Amino acid sequence: MTRRAIIVLVASVFLSSFVALAGNVHLKGGANAEPVFNDQGLTLSAASALAGLGNGDILVILNASANPTGQCCNPSGGCKVPGQNPAPVQVTGSEAIPASEIKNGSVNFAVVTEPPTTPIPGAPDCPGSSWTENITGMSFTSATITVLQGGQTVFTLSCTFSSPTSDGRVSGQSVTCS
């Protein structure tokens, strides 16, 4: 490889890294200044818009903590009254956004977590391991949005809910993000 080719290669790697991280990534102002969360029963969604992005594909990751509600069913299919509440769980989801969708450093996103594993293997909160323990709902307590671009974290937003969520849109008044 010639000296000129090496210089061009090093410069292009440096510039592509610089461009990908050049902006001060933040939530876009106006109507999208805060993420909108929606408790969908077993999943949580978050939507907003980002600004200050560089040129490059991004990955938006949503991690959430929740208190699940469970139900125990005996081997013959009879289910106990709800109230068997499994230990808190973590769920995650992601959305890949190609660079071609980023316009002037901005892009909208809507990401949804995967549902928790149900039935819970071994039914630890039920009378016996032959029972089935199903998660029937999730009350979310916190969420973190992480944005990766060029393989590096360019934005992180941690949010807590003043009281655990219930099905439906989460009131902006009960969300604190930093």
Protein backbone atom coordinates (compact mmCIF):
# COMPACT_ATOMS: atom_id res chain seq x y z
CA MET A 1 0.00 0.00 0.00
CA THR A 2 1.40 3.42 -0.91
CA ARG A 3 1.94 6.16 1.62
CA ARG A 4 -0.83 8.21 -0.01
CA ALA A 5 -3.29 5.27 0.22
CA ILE A 6 -2.46 4.81 3.90
CA ILE A 7 -3.02 8.52 4.59
CA VAL A 8 -6.35 8.46 2.74
CA LEU A 9 -7.43 5.32 4.62
CA VAL A 10 -6.47 6.74 8.04
CA ALA A 11 -8.16 10.06 7.24
CA SER A 12 -11.37 8.40 6.08
CA VAL A 13 -11.54 6.21 9.20
CA PHE A 14 -10.91 9.26 11.41
CA LEU A 15 -13.48 11.41 9.58
CA SER A 16 -16.14 8.69 9.54
CA SER A 17 -15.71 8.27 13.30
CA PHE A 18 -15.77 12.03 13.76
CA VAL A 19 -18.89 12.52 11.62
CA ALA A 20 -20.74 9.73 13.43
CA LEU A 21 -20.01 11.35 16.79
CA ALA A 22 -19.85 15.01 15.74
CA GLY A 23 -23.25 16.11 17.05
CA ASN A 24 -24.53 16.65 20.54
CA VAL A 25 -27.26 14.03 20.40
CA HIS A 26 -30.42 15.01 22.29
CA LEU A 27 -34.19 14.71 22.15
CA LYS A 28 -35.64 17.08 19.59
CA GLY A 29 -37.52 20.06 21.01
CA GLY A 30 -41.15 20.98 20.63
CA ALA A 31 -43.81 18.27 20.82
CA ASN A 32 -41.11 15.57 21.03
CA ALA A 33 -39.06 17.14 23.86
CA GLU A 34 -39.79 14.18 26.14
CA PRO A 35 -40.24 10.53 25.20
CA VAL A 36 -43.79 9.23 25.14
CA PHE A 37 -44.17 5.91 26.96
CA ASN A 38 -47.04 3.48 26.50
CA ASP A 39 -47.67 0.46 28.74
CA GLN A 40 -49.04 -2.21 26.40
CA GLY A 41 -49.70 -4.83 29.07
CA LEU A 42 -46.66 -7.07 28.69
CA THR A 43 -44.49 -4.59 26.76
CA LEU A 44 -43.44 -0.94 27.02
CA SER A 45 -43.02 1.37 24.05
CA ALA A 46 -41.11 4.65 23.85
CA ALA A 47 -41.30 7.19 21.04
CA SER A 48 -39.60 10.52 20.43
CA ALA A 49 -37.26 12.27 18.01
CA LEU A 50 -33.49 12.66 18.17
CA ALA A 51 -31.40 15.56 16.91
CA GLY A 52 -27.65 16.14 16.66
CA LEU A 53 -26.91 12.79 15.01
CA GLY A 54 -24.01 12.23 12.67
CA ASN A 55 -24.01 10.24 9.44
CA GLY A 56 -24.35 6.56 10.18
CA ASP A 57 -26.80 3.87 11.12
CA ILE A 58 -28.15 4.03 14.67
CA LEU A 59 -29.55 1.50 17.10
CA VAL A 60 -32.10 2.65 19.69
CA ILE A 61 -32.33 0.32 22.70
CA LEU A 62 -35.08 0.40 25.32
CA ASN A 63 -34.43 -1.40 28.62
CA ALA A 64 -37.22 -1.44 31.21
CA SER A 65 -37.78 -2.76 34.72
CA ALA A 66 -41.21 -3.98 35.77
CA ASN A 67 -43.15 -5.66 38.51
CA PRO A 68 -45.02 -8.52 36.83
CA THR A 69 -48.40 -9.87 37.87
CA GLY A 70 -48.70 -13.63 37.68
CA GLN A 71 -51.29 -16.34 37.82
CA CYS A 72 -50.78 -19.94 38.91
CA CYS A 73 -52.63 -22.72 37.14
CA ASN A 74 -52.71 -26.30 38.42
CA PRO A 75 -51.99 -29.28 36.17
CA SER A 76 -55.71 -29.75 35.42
CA GLY A 77 -55.96 -26.17 34.13
CA GLY A 78 -57.67 -24.52 37.09
CA CYS A 79 -56.17 -21.12 37.86
CA LYS A 80 -55.93 -19.50 41.28
CA VAL A 81 -57.09 -15.97 41.87
CA PRO A 82 -54.41 -13.54 40.63
CA GLY A 83 -51.97 -12.36 43.23
CA GLN A 84 -48.95 -14.57 42.73
CA ASN A 85 -46.47 -11.86 41.85
CA PRO A 86 -43.13 -13.00 40.45
CA ALA A 87 -39.89 -11.15 41.15
CA PRO A 88 -39.21 -7.94 39.18
CA VAL A 89 -38.05 -8.52 35.61
CA GLN A 90 -36.01 -6.71 32.97
CA VAL A 91 -37.17 -6.53 29.37
CA THR A 92 -35.50 -4.98 26.36
CA GLY A 93 -36.19 -4.09 22.75
CA SER A 94 -34.39 -2.28 19.96
CA GLU A 95 -34.94 -0.48 16.67
CA ALA A 96 -32.27 -0.25 13.99
CA ILE A 97 -32.50 2.93 11.90
CA PRO A 98 -30.43 3.20 8.70
CA ALA A 99 -28.45 6.37 8.02
CA SER A 100 -30.68 7.07 5.00
CA GLU A 101 -33.59 7.88 7.38
CA ILE A 102 -31.59 10.51 9.29
CA LYS A 103 -32.36 13.94 7.83
CA ASN A 104 -30.25 16.94 8.85
CA GLY A 105 -29.12 15.03 11.96
CA SER A 106 -32.68 14.22 13.09
CA VAL A 107 -34.83 11.10 13.15
CA ASN A 108 -37.99 9.84 14.86
CA PHE A 109 -37.96 6.54 16.70
CA ALA A 110 -40.52 4.18 18.22
CA VAL A 111 -39.12 1.19 20.07
CA VAL A 112 -40.95 -1.60 21.94
CA THR A 113 -39.61 -4.08 24.48
CA GLU A 114 -40.04 -7.79 24.02
CA PRO A 115 -42.53 -9.41 26.41
CA PRO A 116 -41.18 -11.33 29.41
CA THR A 117 -40.70 -15.09 29.32
CA THR A 118 -44.01 -16.72 30.22
CA PRO A 119 -44.86 -19.21 31.51
CA ILE A 120 -42.09 -18.88 34.07
CA PRO A 121 -40.01 -22.07 34.03
CA GLY A 122 -40.43 -24.16 37.20
CA ALA A 123 -43.32 -22.00 38.48
CA PRO A 124 -41.30 -20.77 41.51
CA ASP A 125 -44.17 -18.70 42.97
CA CYS A 126 -46.79 -21.47 42.69
CA PRO A 127 -47.62 -24.39 45.04
CA GLY A 128 -45.59 -26.84 42.96
CA SER A 129 -43.34 -27.15 39.93
CA SER A 130 -46.05 -29.10 38.08
CA TRP A 131 -48.14 -25.92 38.09
CA THR A 132 -47.88 -23.25 35.37
CA GLU A 133 -47.00 -19.68 36.32
CA ASN A 134 -48.07 -17.17 33.69
CA ILE A 135 -47.25 -13.47 33.64
CA THR A 136 -50.52 -11.66 32.93
CA GLY A 137 -49.40 -8.05 33.22
CA MET A 138 -46.44 -5.75 33.81
CA SER A 139 -46.25 -2.54 35.88
CA PHE A 140 -43.18 -0.68 34.66
CA THR A 141 -41.06 1.24 37.16
CA SER A 142 -38.21 2.59 35.02
CA ALA A 143 -36.80 2.70 31.51
CA THR A 144 -33.53 3.60 29.83
CA ILE A 145 -33.16 4.67 26.21
CA THR A 146 -29.68 4.19 24.75
CA VAL A 147 -28.64 5.25 21.24
CA LEU A 148 -25.62 3.74 19.51
CA GLN A 149 -24.05 5.18 16.38
CA GLY A 150 -20.84 3.93 14.85
CA GLY A 151 -20.73 1.24 17.54
CA GLN A 152 -20.49 3.84 20.31
CA THR A 153 -23.04 5.17 22.79
CA VAL A 154 -23.99 8.71 21.73
CA PHE A 155 -27.06 9.23 23.96
CA THR A 156 -28.52 7.74 27.14
CA LEU A 157 -31.69 8.81 28.91
CA SER A 158 -32.79 7.18 32.17
CA CYS A 159 -36.42 7.62 33.22
CA THR A 160 -38.33 6.60 36.31
CA PHE A 161 -42.08 6.44 36.78
CA SER A 162 -43.34 8.02 40.03
CA SER A 163 -45.72 5.09 40.43
CA PRO A 164 -45.70 1.81 38.50
CA THR A 165 -47.49 2.07 35.17
CA SER A 166 -50.82 0.52 34.25
CA ASP A 167 -52.07 -0.28 30.76
CA GLY A 168 -52.14 2.71 28.44
CA ARG A 169 -50.21 5.90 27.85
CA VAL A 170 -47.95 6.89 30.73
CA SER A 171 -48.70 10.43 31.91
CA GLY A 172 -45.80 12.78 31.27
CA GLN A 173 -46.34 14.13 34.79
CA SER A 174 -45.35 10.77 36.29
CA VAL A 175 -42.10 10.49 34.25
CA THR A 176 -38.80 11.93 35.42
CA CYS A 177 -35.86 11.64 33.01
CA SER A 178 -32.21 12.53 33.31
